[in-house]
Amino acid sequence: MMAELLGAAPPQAGAAVRASEDGARWLAHGEFTLASAGQVLAAARALPLPTTGVVQCDGITAVDSAAVALLLALKRRGMEHGTPLRFVEAPAALVTLAALYDVEDILAP
């Protein structure tokens, strides 16, 4: 409520990271934007890392610069716990942003 009064967009209810049924991969979906970054990060922190290290990104519907920061934070967590994460099937807008910030290697297969 306070964020709305201050003119900030409310968080996107559907933006999150969830584990596949077998725990092999994470499934990223929804808007990865400044408005949803906190809830996406919280959702990811609540999950065990995917056993294959794969994060499926084709469910991401919108991005801004916060999406790049989110992927870097997730990648850092994986490295700290010995499970390097690979982001696959990223939407074109996310690939473009990663290139703009010179971190496109995080999206390399």
PDB file of N, CA and C in Angstrom:
ATOM      1  N   MET A   1       0.822  -1.186   0.000  1.00  0.00           N
ATOM      2  CA  MET A   1       0.000   0.000   0.000  1.00  0.00           C
ATOM      3  C   MET A   1       0.866   1.250   0.000  1.00  0.00           C
ATOM      4  N   MET A   2       1.881   1.301   0.853  1.00  0.00           N
ATOM      5  CA  MET A   2       2.741   2.475   0.921  1.00  0.00           C
ATOM      6  C   MET A   2       3.451   2.703  -0.407  1.00  0.00           C
ATOM      7  N   ALA A   3       3.933   1.624  -1.043  1.00  0.00           N
ATOM      8  CA  ALA A   3       4.618   1.752  -2.329  1.00  0.00           C
ATOM      9  C   ALA A   3       3.693   2.362  -3.370  1.00  0.00           C
ATOM     10  N   GLU A   4       2.427   1.951  -3.367  1.00  0.00           N
ATOM     11  CA  GLU A   4       1.468   2.501  -4.317  1.00  0.00           C
ATOM     12  C   GLU A   4       1.240   3.981  -4.062  1.00  0.00           C
ATOM     13  N   LEU A   5       1.181   4.381  -2.792  1.00  0.00           N
ATOM     14  CA  LEU A   5       1.005   5.787  -2.450  1.00  0.00           C
ATOM     15  C   LEU A   5       2.190   6.624  -2.920  1.00  0.00           C
ATOM     16  N   LEU A   6       3.374   6.017  -2.914  1.00  0.00           N
ATOM     17  CA  LEU A   6       4.571   6.729  -3.341  1.00  0.00           C
ATOM     18  C   LEU A   6       4.773   6.655  -4.847  1.00  0.00           C
ATOM     19  N   GLY A   7       3.869   5.998  -5.546  1.00  0.00           N
ATOM     20  CA  GLY A   7       3.956   5.932  -6.990  1.00  0.00           C
ATOM     21  C   GLY A   7       4.727   4.741  -7.527  1.00  0.00           C
ATOM     22  N   ALA A   8       5.176   3.856  -6.671  1.00  0.00           N
ATOM     23  CA  ALA A   8       5.898   2.673  -7.127  1.00  0.00           C
ATOM     24  C   ALA A   8       4.899   1.622  -7.603  1.00  0.00           C
ATOM     25  N   ALA A   9       5.314   0.870  -8.612  1.00  0.00           N
ATOM     26  CA  ALA A   9       4.447  -0.192  -9.116  1.00  0.00           C
ATOM     27  C   ALA A   9       4.392  -1.321  -8.101  1.00  0.00           C
ATOM     28  N   PRO A  10       3.218  -1.936  -7.929  1.00  0.00           N
ATOM     29  CA  PRO A  10       3.134  -3.076  -7.011  1.00  0.00           C
ATOM     30  C   PRO A  10       3.890  -4.262  -7.587  1.00  0.00           C
ATOM     31  N   PRO A  11       4.385  -5.163  -6.756  1.00  0.00           N
ATOM     32  CA  PRO A  11       5.081  -6.332  -7.261  1.00  0.00           C
ATOM     33  C   PRO A  11       4.167  -7.190  -8.113  1.00  0.00           C
ATOM     34  N   GLN A  12       4.726  -7.834  -9.105  1.00  0.00           N
ATOM     35  CA  GLN A  12       3.971  -8.720  -9.963  1.00  0.00           C
ATOM     36  C   GLN A  12       3.748 -10.046  -9.239  1.00  0.00           C
ATOM     37  N   ALA A  13       2.486 -10.400  -9.041  1.00  0.00           N
ATOM     38  CA  ALA A  13       2.157 -11.585  -8.258  1.00  0.00           C
ATOM     39  C   ALA A  13       2.714 -12.865  -8.861  1.00  0.00           C
ATOM     40  N   GLY A  14       2.809 -12.945 -10.180  1.00  0.00           N
ATOM     41  CA  GLY A  14       3.221 -14.193 -10.795  1.00  0.00           C
ATOM     42  C   GLY A  14       4.711 -14.336 -11.021  1.00  0.00           C
ATOM     43  N   ALA A  15       5.498 -13.336 -10.738  1.00  0.00           N
ATOM     44  CA  ALA A  15       6.932 -13.412 -10.995  1.00  0.00           C
ATOM     45  C   ALA A  15       7.617 -14.241  -9.933  1.00  0.00           C
ATOM     46  N   ALA A  16       8.326 -15.274 -10.357  1.00  0.00           N
ATOM     47  CA  ALA A  16       9.001 -16.135  -9.384  1.00  0.00           C
ATOM     48  C   ALA A  16       9.932 -17.113 -10.072  1.00  0.00           C
ATOM     49  N   VAL A  17      10.591 -17.871  -9.247  1.00  0.00           N
ATOM     50  CA  VAL A  17      11.378 -19.016  -9.672  1.00  0.00           C
ATOM     51  C   VAL A  17      10.826 -20.193  -8.888  1.00  0.00           C
ATOM     52  N   ARG A  18      10.557 -21.298  -9.559  1.00  0.00           N
ATOM     53  CA  ARG A  18      10.087 -22.493  -8.868  1.00  0.00           C
ATOM     54  C   ARG A  18      10.867 -23.685  -9.389  1.00  0.00           C
ATOM     55  N   ALA A  19      10.878 -24.732  -8.622  1.00  0.00           N
ATOM     56  CA  ALA A  19      11.600 -25.942  -9.015  1.00  0.00           C
ATOM     57  C   ALA A  19      10.710 -26.820  -9.877  1.00  0.00           C
ATOM     58  N   SER A  20      11.321 -27.510 -10.819  1.00  0.00           N
ATOM     59  CA  SER A  20      10.587 -28.512 -11.585  1.00  0.00           C
ATOM     60  C   SER A  20      10.202 -29.634 -10.622  1.00  0.00           C
ATOM     61  N   GLU A  21       9.284 -30.479 -11.040  1.00  0.00           N
ATOM     62  CA  GLU A  21       8.801 -31.545 -10.154  1.00  0.00           C
ATOM     63  C   GLU A  21       9.918 -32.446  -9.653  1.00  0.00           C
ATOM     64  N   ASP A  22      10.902 -32.707 -10.491  1.00  0.00           N
ATOM     65  CA  ASP A  22      11.999 -33.594 -10.089  1.00  0.00           C
ATOM     66  C   ASP A  22      13.169 -32.853  -9.448  1.00  0.00           C
ATOM     67  N   GLY A  23      13.075 -31.512  -9.357  1.00  0.00           N
ATOM     68  CA  GLY A  23      14.135 -30.720  -8.740  1.00  0.00           C
ATOM     69  C   GLY A  23      15.361 -30.533  -9.622  1.00  0.00           C
ATOM     70  N   ALA A  24      15.297 -31.001 -10.854  1.00  0.00           N
ATOM     71  CA  ALA A  24      16.445 -30.936 -11.745  1.00  0.00           C
ATOM     72  C   ALA A  24      16.718 -29.522 -12.258  1.00  0.00           C
ATOM     73  N   ARG A  25      15.671 -28.740 -12.397  1.00  0.00           N
ATOM     74  CA  ARG A  25      15.855 -27.384 -12.917  1.00  0.00           C
ATOM     75  C   ARG A  25      14.914 -26.421 -12.238  1.00  0.00           C
ATOM     76  N   TRP A  26      15.274 -25.146 -12.355  1.00  0.00           N
ATOM     77  CA  TRP A  26      14.381 -24.096 -11.904  1.00  0.00           C
ATOM     78  C   TRP A  26      13.646 -23.572 -13.121  1.00  0.00           C
ATOM     79  N   LEU A  27      12.433 -23.114 -12.911  1.00  0.00           N
ATOM     80  CA  LEU A  27      11.609 -22.537 -13.956  1.00  0.00           C
ATOM     81  C   LEU A  27      11.332 -21.083 -13.578  1.00  0.00           C
ATOM     82  N   ALA A  28      11.878 -20.170 -14.353  1.00  0.00           N
ATOM     83  CA  ALA A  28      11.691 -18.741 -14.103  1.00  0.00           C
ATOM     84  C   ALA A  28      10.489 -18.273 -14.909  1.00  0.00           C
ATOM     85  N   HIS A  29       9.615 -17.504 -14.277  1.00  0.00           N
ATOM     86  CA  HIS A  29       8.432 -17.040 -15.003  1.00  0.00           C
ATOM     87  C   HIS A  29       7.964 -15.693 -14.476  1.00  0.00           C
ATOM     88  N   GLY A  30       7.276 -14.979 -15.343  1.00  0.00           N
ATOM     89  CA  GLY A  30       6.725 -13.685 -14.984  1.00  0.00           C
ATOM     90  C   GLY A  30       7.660 -12.549 -15.339  1.00  0.00           C
ATOM     91  N   GLU A  31       7.366 -11.393 -14.792  1.00  0.00           N
ATOM     92  CA  GLU A  31       8.130 -10.176 -15.072  1.00  0.00           C
ATOM     93  C   GLU A  31       9.309 -10.072 -14.114  1.00  0.00           C
ATOM     94  N   PHE A  32      10.502 -10.059 -14.663  1.00  0.00           N
ATOM     95  CA  PHE A  32      11.716  -9.879 -13.867  1.00  0.00           C
ATOM     96  C   PHE A  32      12.100  -8.404 -13.965  1.00  0.00           C
ATOM     97  N   THR A  33      11.471  -7.621 -13.114  1.00  0.00           N
ATOM     98  CA  THR A  33      11.648  -6.172 -13.136  1.00  0.00           C
ATOM     99  C   THR A  33      11.932  -5.674 -11.723  1.00  0.00           C
ATOM    100  N   LEU A  34      12.210  -4.395 -11.610  1.00  0.00           N
ATOM    101  CA  LEU A  34      12.471  -3.803 -10.302  1.00  0.00           C
ATOM    102  C   LEU A  34      11.299  -4.043  -9.353  1.00  0.00           C
ATOM    103  N   ALA A  35      10.076  -4.006  -9.880  1.00  0.00           N
ATOM    104  CA  ALA A  35       8.890  -4.191  -9.039  1.00  0.00           C
ATOM    105  C   ALA A  35       8.801  -5.599  -8.454  1.00  0.00           C
ATOM    106  N   SER A  36       9.366  -6.591  -9.126  1.00  0.00           N
ATOM    107  CA  SER A  36       9.244  -7.973  -8.664  1.00  0.00           C
ATOM    108  C   SER A  36      10.558  -8.574  -8.162  1.00  0.00           C
ATOM    109  N   ALA A  37      11.634  -7.839  -8.238  1.00  0.00           N
ATOM    110  CA  ALA A  37      12.962  -8.391  -7.917  1.00  0.00           C
ATOM    111  C   ALA A  37      13.021  -9.003  -6.518  1.00  0.00           C
ATOM    112  N   GLY A  38      12.470  -8.346  -5.548  1.00  0.00           N
ATOM    113  CA  GLY A  38      12.518  -8.861  -4.178  1.00  0.00           C
ATOM    114  C   GLY A  38      11.807 -10.186  -4.030  1.00  0.00           C
ATOM    115  N   GLN A  39      10.630 -10.297  -4.614  1.00  0.00           N
ATOM    116  CA  GLN A  39       9.886 -11.544  -4.482  1.00  0.00           C
ATOM    117  C   GLN A  39      10.531 -12.661  -5.291  1.00  0.00           C
ATOM    118  N   VAL A  40      11.125 -12.364  -6.428  1.00  0.00           N
ATOM    119  CA  VAL A  40      11.812 -13.391  -7.217  1.00  0.00           C
ATOM    120  C   VAL A  40      13.013 -13.906  -6.439  1.00  0.00           C
ATOM    121  N   LEU A  41      13.788 -12.994  -5.884  1.00  0.00           N
ATOM    122  CA  LEU A  41      14.964 -13.399  -5.114  1.00  0.00           C
ATOM    123  C   LEU A  41      14.566 -14.210  -3.881  1.00  0.00           C
ATOM    124  N   ALA A  42      13.516 -13.804  -3.198  1.00  0.00           N
ATOM    125  CA  ALA A  42      13.044 -14.545  -2.029  1.00  0.00           C
ATOM    126  C   ALA A  42      12.580 -15.943  -2.418  1.00  0.00           C
ATOM    127  N   ALA A  43      11.875 -16.051  -3.533  1.00  0.00           N
ATOM    128  CA  ALA A  43      11.413 -17.362  -3.996  1.00  0.00           C
ATOM    129  C   ALA A  43      12.597 -18.270  -4.307  1.00  0.00           C
ATOM    130  N   ALA A  44      13.612 -17.726  -4.956  1.00  0.00           N
ATOM    131  CA  ALA A  44      14.790 -18.525  -5.301  1.00  0.00           C
ATOM    132  C   ALA A  44      15.562 -18.946  -4.057  1.00  0.00           C
ATOM    133  N   ARG A  45      15.678 -18.060  -3.101  1.00  0.00           N
ATOM    134  CA  ARG A  45      16.405 -18.394  -1.871  1.00  0.00           C
ATOM    135  C   ARG A  45      15.720 -19.496  -1.075  1.00  0.00           C
ATOM    136  N   ALA A  46      14.405 -19.609  -1.230  1.00  0.00           N
ATOM    137  CA  ALA A  46      13.645 -20.620  -0.497  1.00  0.00           C
ATOM    138  C   ALA A  46      13.777 -22.013  -1.118  1.00  0.00           C
ATOM    139  N   LEU A  47      14.360 -22.088  -2.306  1.00  0.00           N
ATOM    140  CA  LEU A  47      14.470 -23.365  -3.015  1.00  0.00           C
ATOM    141  C   LEU A  47      15.857 -23.972  -2.879  1.00  0.00           C
ATOM    142  N   PRO A  48      15.923 -25.300  -2.874  1.00  0.00           N
ATOM    143  CA  PRO A  48      17.237 -25.922  -3.036  1.00  0.00           C
ATOM    144  C   PRO A  48      17.702 -25.668  -4.476  1.00  0.00           C
ATOM    145  N   LEU A  49      18.996 -25.594  -4.668  1.00  0.00           N
ATOM    146  CA  LEU A  49      19.510 -25.368  -6.015  1.00  0.00           C
ATOM    147  C   LEU A  49      19.101 -26.520  -6.925  1.00  0.00           C
ATOM    148  N   PRO A  50      18.888 -26.232  -8.216  1.00  0.00           N
ATOM    149  CA  PRO A  50      18.501 -27.308  -9.128  1.00  0.00           C
ATOM    150  C   PRO A  50      19.653 -28.302  -9.292  1.00  0.00           C
ATOM    151  N   THR A  51      19.322 -29.585  -9.325  1.00  0.00           N
ATOM    152  CA  THR A  51      20.367 -30.609  -9.353  1.00  0.00           C
ATOM    153  C   THR A  51      21.214 -30.554 -10.617  1.00  0.00           C
ATOM    154  N   THR A  52      20.637 -30.096 -11.732  1.00  0.00           N
ATOM    155  CA  THR A  52      21.395 -29.996 -12.984  1.00  0.00           C
ATOM    156  C   THR A  52      22.036 -28.621 -13.163  1.00  0.00           C
ATOM    157  N   GLY A  53      21.651 -27.665 -12.322  1.00  0.00           N
ATOM    158  CA  GLY A  53      22.158 -26.308 -12.450  1.00  0.00           C
ATOM    159  C   GLY A  53      21.465 -25.500 -13.536  1.00  0.00           C
ATOM    160  N   VAL A  54      20.428 -26.044 -14.145  1.00  0.00           N
ATOM    161  CA  VAL A  54      19.736 -25.367 -15.251  1.00  0.00           C
ATOM    162  C   VAL A  54      18.592 -24.502 -14.728  1.00  0.00           C
ATOM    163  N   VAL A  55      18.547 -23.269 -15.229  1.00  0.00           N
ATOM    164  CA  VAL A  55      17.445 -22.358 -14.948  1.00  0.00           C
ATOM    165  C   VAL A  55      16.770 -22.062 -16.286  1.00  0.00           C
ATOM    166  N   GLN A  56      15.554 -22.539 -16.439  1.00  0.00           N
ATOM    167  CA  GLN A  56      14.775 -22.368 -17.672  1.00  0.00           C
ATOM    168  C   GLN A  56      14.164 -20.974 -17.653  1.00  0.00           C
ATOM    169  N   CYS A  57      14.499 -20.136 -18.644  1.00  0.00           N
ATOM    170  CA  CYS A  57      14.092 -18.730 -18.620  1.00  0.00           C
ATOM    171  C   CYS A  57      13.015 -18.368 -19.639  1.00  0.00           C
ATOM    172  N   ASP A  58      12.492 -19.333 -20.380  1.00  0.00           N
ATOM    173  CA  ASP A  58      11.527 -18.996 -21.429  1.00  0.00           C
ATOM    174  C   ASP A  58      10.185 -18.517 -20.885  1.00  0.00           C
ATOM    175  N   GLY A  59       9.952 -18.643 -19.583  1.00  0.00           N
ATOM    176  CA  GLY A  59       8.723 -18.145 -18.979  1.00  0.00           C
ATOM    177  C   GLY A  59       8.796 -16.700 -18.532  1.00  0.00           C
ATOM    178  N   ILE A  60       9.951 -16.069 -18.699  1.00  0.00           N
ATOM    179  CA  ILE A  60      10.104 -14.659 -18.320  1.00  0.00           C
ATOM    180  C   ILE A  60       9.408 -13.810 -19.373  1.00  0.00           C
ATOM    181  N   THR A  61       8.482 -12.968 -18.920  1.00  0.00           N
ATOM    182  CA  THR A  61       7.650 -12.206 -19.854  1.00  0.00           C
ATOM    183  C   THR A  61       8.083 -10.760 -20.053  1.00  0.00           C
ATOM    184  N   ALA A  62       8.793 -10.187 -19.104  1.00  0.00           N
ATOM    185  CA  ALA A  62       9.259  -8.802 -19.222  1.00  0.00           C
ATOM    186  C   ALA A  62      10.509  -8.647 -18.368  1.00  0.00           C
ATOM    187  N   VAL A  63      11.402  -7.775 -18.803  1.00  0.00           N
ATOM    188  CA  VAL A  63      12.642  -7.550 -18.069  1.00  0.00           C
ATOM    189  C   VAL A  63      12.996  -6.067 -18.052  1.00  0.00           C
ATOM    190  N   ASP A  64      13.775  -5.711 -17.051  1.00  0.00           N
ATOM    191  CA  ASP A  64      14.469  -4.431 -17.034  1.00  0.00           C
ATOM    192  C   ASP A  64      15.831  -4.709 -16.418  1.00  0.00           C
ATOM    193  N   SER A  65      16.575  -3.698 -16.085  1.00  0.00           N
ATOM    194  CA  SER A  65      17.931  -3.916 -15.588  1.00  0.00           C
ATOM    195  C   SER A  65      17.975  -4.780 -14.328  1.00  0.00           C
ATOM    196  N   ALA A  66      16.886  -4.792 -13.571  1.00  0.00           N
ATOM    197  CA  ALA A  66      16.842  -5.636 -12.372  1.00  0.00           C
ATOM    198  C   ALA A  66      16.965  -7.113 -12.733  1.00  0.00           C
ATOM    199  N   ALA A  67      16.523  -7.512 -13.909  1.00  0.00           N
ATOM    200  CA  ALA A  67      16.613  -8.918 -14.320  1.00  0.00           C
ATOM    201  C   ALA A  67      18.065  -9.364 -14.390  1.00  0.00           C
ATOM    202  N   VAL A  68      18.926  -8.510 -14.894  1.00  0.00           N
ATOM    203  CA  VAL A  68      20.351  -8.848 -14.977  1.00  0.00           C
ATOM    204  C   VAL A  68      20.921  -8.999 -13.574  1.00  0.00           C
ATOM    205  N   ALA A  69      20.566  -8.089 -12.686  1.00  0.00           N
ATOM    206  CA  ALA A  69      21.036  -8.178 -11.301  1.00  0.00           C
ATOM    207  C   ALA A  69      20.529  -9.459 -10.638  1.00  0.00           C
ATOM    208  N   LEU A  70      19.294  -9.846 -10.916  1.00  0.00           N
ATOM    209  CA  LEU A  70      18.740 -11.082 -10.362  1.00  0.00           C
ATOM    210  C   LEU A  70      19.523 -12.299 -10.832  1.00  0.00           C
ATOM    211  N   LEU A  71      19.800 -12.372 -12.127  1.00  0.00           N
ATOM    212  CA  LEU A  71      20.547 -13.512 -12.655  1.00  0.00           C
ATOM    213  C   LEU A  71      21.951 -13.571 -12.050  1.00  0.00           C
ATOM    214  N   LEU A  72      22.578 -12.432 -11.896  1.00  0.00           N
ATOM    215  CA  LEU A  72      23.908 -12.411 -11.282  1.00  0.00           C
ATOM    216  C   LEU A  72      23.855 -12.881  -9.832  1.00  0.00           C
ATOM    217  N   ALA A  73      22.816 -12.476  -9.102  1.00  0.00           N
ATOM    218  CA  ALA A  73      22.671 -12.917  -7.709  1.00  0.00           C
ATOM    219  C   ALA A  73      22.437 -14.422  -7.641  1.00  0.00           C
ATOM    220  N   LEU A  74      21.619 -14.952  -8.538  1.00  0.00           N
ATOM    221  CA  LEU A  74      21.368 -16.381  -8.566  1.00  0.00           C
ATOM    222  C   LEU A  74      22.633 -17.143  -8.931  1.00  0.00           C
ATOM    223  N   LYS A  75      23.352 -16.626  -9.914  1.00  0.00           N
ATOM    224  CA  LYS A  75      24.598 -17.266 -10.343  1.00  0.00           C
ATOM    225  C   LYS A  75      25.603 -17.295  -9.184  1.00  0.00           C
ATOM    226  N   ARG A  76      25.696 -16.197  -8.459  1.00  0.00           N
ATOM    227  CA  ARG A  76      26.606 -16.113  -7.310  1.00  0.00           C
ATOM    228  C   ARG A  76      26.235 -17.151  -6.250  1.00  0.00           C
ATOM    229  N   ARG A  77      24.939 -17.287  -5.973  1.00  0.00           N
ATOM    230  CA  ARG A  77      24.501 -18.290  -4.992  1.00  0.00           C
ATOM    231  C   ARG A  77      24.908 -19.697  -5.434  1.00  0.00           C
ATOM    232  N   GLY A  78      24.693 -20.005  -6.693  1.00  0.00           N
ATOM    233  CA  GLY A  78      25.068 -21.313  -7.198  1.00  0.00           C
ATOM    234  C   GLY A  78      26.554 -21.577  -7.040  1.00  0.00           C
ATOM    235  N   MET A  79      27.364 -20.593  -7.378  1.00  0.00           N
ATOM    236  CA  MET A  79      28.818 -20.751  -7.270  1.00  0.00           C
ATOM    237  C   MET A  79      29.239 -20.939  -5.814  1.00  0.00           C
ATOM    238  N   GLU A  80      28.625 -20.194  -4.905  1.00  0.00           N
ATOM    239  CA  GLU A  80      28.959 -20.308  -3.484  1.00  0.00           C
ATOM    240  C   GLU A  80      28.645 -21.686  -2.924  1.00  0.00           C
ATOM    241  N   HIS A  81      27.680 -22.381  -3.540  1.00  0.00           N
ATOM    242  CA  HIS A  81      27.270 -23.697  -3.051  1.00  0.00           C
ATOM    243  C   HIS A  81      27.719 -24.838  -3.964  1.00  0.00           C
ATOM    244  N   GLY A  82      28.617 -24.540  -4.888  1.00  0.00           N
ATOM    245  CA  GLY A  82      29.175 -25.587  -5.742  1.00  0.00           C
ATOM    246  C   GLY A  82      28.253 -26.112  -6.828  1.00  0.00           C
ATOM    247  N   THR A  83      27.223 -25.352  -7.176  1.00  0.00           N
ATOM    248  CA  THR A  83      26.314 -25.731  -8.255  1.00  0.00           C
ATOM    249  C   THR A  83      26.241 -24.576  -9.246  1.00  0.00           C
ATOM    250  N   PRO A  84      27.135 -24.552 -10.220  1.00  0.00           N
ATOM    251  CA  PRO A  84      27.079 -23.467 -11.210  1.00  0.00           C
ATOM    252  C   PRO A  84      25.738 -23.489 -11.951  1.00  0.00           C
ATOM    253  N   LEU A  85      25.118 -22.346 -12.050  1.00  0.00           N
ATOM    254  CA  LEU A  85      23.831 -22.256 -12.733  1.00  0.00           C
ATOM    255  C   LEU A  85      24.020 -21.864 -14.194  1.00  0.00           C
ATOM    256  N   ARG A  86      23.198 -22.462 -15.055  1.00  0.00           N
ATOM    257  CA  ARG A  86      23.165 -22.119 -16.481  1.00  0.00           C
ATOM    258  C   ARG A  86      21.757 -21.642 -16.806  1.00  0.00           C
ATOM    259  N   PHE A  87      21.664 -20.468 -17.404  1.00  0.00           N
ATOM    260  CA  PHE A  87      20.386 -19.890 -17.785  1.00  0.00           C
ATOM    261  C   PHE A  87      20.131 -20.235 -19.252  1.00  0.00           C
ATOM    262  N   VAL A  88      19.047 -20.946 -19.516  1.00  0.00           N
ATOM    263  CA  VAL A  88      18.751 -21.389 -20.873  1.00  0.00           C
ATOM    264  C   VAL A  88      17.445 -20.791 -21.368  1.00  0.00           C
ATOM    265  N   GLU A  89      17.358 -20.651 -22.684  1.00  0.00           N
ATOM    266  CA  GLU A  89      16.174 -20.143 -23.369  1.00  0.00           C
ATOM    267  C   GLU A  89      15.734 -18.783 -22.840  1.00  0.00           C
ATOM    268  N   ALA A  90      16.697 -17.890 -22.682  1.00  0.00           N
ATOM    269  CA  ALA A  90      16.403 -16.534 -22.223  1.00  0.00           C
ATOM    270  C   ALA A  90      15.696 -15.753 -23.326  1.00  0.00           C
ATOM    271  N   PRO A  91      14.724 -14.924 -22.965  1.00  0.00           N
ATOM    272  CA  PRO A  91      14.056 -14.094 -23.969  1.00  0.00           C
ATOM    273  C   PRO A  91      15.047 -13.092 -24.571  1.00  0.00           C
ATOM    274  N   ALA A  92      14.775 -12.686 -25.795  1.00  0.00           N
ATOM    275  CA  ALA A  92      15.674 -11.787 -26.528  1.00  0.00           C
ATOM    276  C   ALA A  92      15.963 -10.504 -25.755  1.00  0.00           C
ATOM    277  N   ALA A  93      14.958  -9.957 -25.084  1.00  0.00           N
ATOM    278  CA  ALA A  93      15.167  -8.710 -24.336  1.00  0.00           C
ATOM    279  C   ALA A  93      16.189  -8.899 -23.219  1.00  0.00           C
ATOM    280  N   LEU A  94      16.184 -10.052 -22.593  1.00  0.00           N
ATOM    281  CA  LEU A  94      17.149 -10.331 -21.531  1.00  0.00           C
ATOM    282  C   LEU A  94      18.553 -10.505 -22.107  1.00  0.00           C
ATOM    283  N   VAL A  95      18.652 -11.158 -23.233  1.00  0.00           N
ATOM    284  CA  VAL A  95      19.946 -11.320 -23.902  1.00  0.00           C
ATOM    285  C   VAL A  95      20.510  -9.951 -24.271  1.00  0.00           C
ATOM    286  N   THR A  96      19.659  -9.073 -24.772  1.00  0.00           N
ATOM    287  CA  THR A  96      20.081  -7.720 -25.145  1.00  0.00           C
ATOM    288  C   THR A  96      20.568  -6.940 -23.928  1.00  0.00           C
ATOM    289  N   LEU A  97      19.832  -7.021 -22.826  1.00  0.00           N
ATOM    290  CA  LEU A  97      20.246  -6.323 -21.602  1.00  0.00           C
ATOM    291  C   LEU A  97      21.569  -6.864 -21.069  1.00  0.00           C
ATOM    292  N   ALA A  98      21.720  -8.172 -21.078  1.00  0.00           N
ATOM    293  CA  ALA A  98      22.974  -8.768 -20.604  1.00  0.00           C
ATOM    294  C   ALA A  98      24.140  -8.290 -21.454  1.00  0.00           C
ATOM    295  N   ALA A  99      23.941  -8.187 -22.756  1.00  0.00           N
ATOM    296  CA  ALA A  99      24.996  -7.689 -23.647  1.00  0.00           C
ATOM    297  C   ALA A  99      25.288  -6.222 -23.359  1.00  0.00           C
ATOM    298  N   LEU A 100      24.252  -5.444 -23.112  1.00  0.00           N
ATOM    299  CA  LEU A 100      24.420  -4.023 -22.801  1.00  0.00           C
ATOM    300  C   LEU A 100      25.293  -3.826 -21.565  1.00  0.00           C
ATOM    301  N   TYR A 101      25.107  -4.702 -20.579  1.00  0.00           N
ATOM    302  CA  TYR A 101      25.893  -4.616 -19.341  1.00  0.00           C
ATOM    303  C   TYR A 101      27.162  -5.451 -19.390  1.00  0.00           C
ATOM    304  N   ASP A 102      27.476  -5.983 -20.572  1.00  0.00           N
ATOM    305  CA  ASP A 102      28.698  -6.746 -20.804  1.00  0.00           C
ATOM    306  C   ASP A 102      28.821  -7.975 -19.902  1.00  0.00           C
ATOM    307  N   VAL A 103      27.673  -8.635 -19.669  1.00  0.00           N
ATOM    308  CA  VAL A 103      27.658  -9.873 -18.886  1.00  0.00           C
ATOM    309  C   VAL A 103      26.931 -10.988 -19.648  1.00  0.00           C
ATOM    310  N   GLU A 104      26.936 -10.896 -20.970  1.00  0.00           N
ATOM    311  CA  GLU A 104      26.211 -11.875 -21.771  1.00  0.00           C
ATOM    312  C   GLU A 104      26.725 -13.294 -21.576  1.00  0.00           C
ATOM    313  N   ASP A 105      27.942 -13.418 -21.038  1.00  0.00           N
ATOM    314  CA  ASP A 105      28.482 -14.762 -20.782  1.00  0.00           C
ATOM    315  C   ASP A 105      27.665 -15.533 -19.750  1.00  0.00           C
ATOM    316  N   ILE A 106      26.862 -14.858 -18.924  1.00  0.00           N
ATOM    317  CA  ILE A 106      26.027 -15.587 -17.966  1.00  0.00           C
ATOM    318  C   ILE A 106      24.923 -16.352 -18.675  1.00  0.00           C
ATOM    319  N   LEU A 107      24.639 -15.993 -19.919  1.00  0.00           N
ATOM    320  CA  LEU A 107      23.606 -16.663 -20.692  1.00  0.00           C
ATOM    321  C   LEU A 107      24.178 -17.661 -21.690  1.00  0.00           C
ATOM    322  N   ALA A 108      25.482 -17.861 -21.644  1.00  0.00           N
ATOM    323  CA  ALA A 108      26.125 -18.807 -22.566  1.00  0.00           C
ATOM    324  C   ALA A 108      25.745 -20.225 -22.189  1.00  0.00           C
ATOM    325  N   PRO A 109      25.546 -21.076 -23.196  1.00  0.00           N
ATOM    326  CA  PRO A 109      25.176 -22.477 -22.912  1.00  0.00           C
ATOM    327  C   PRO A 109      26.250 -23.255 -22.193  1.00  0.00           C
TER     328      PRO A 109
END
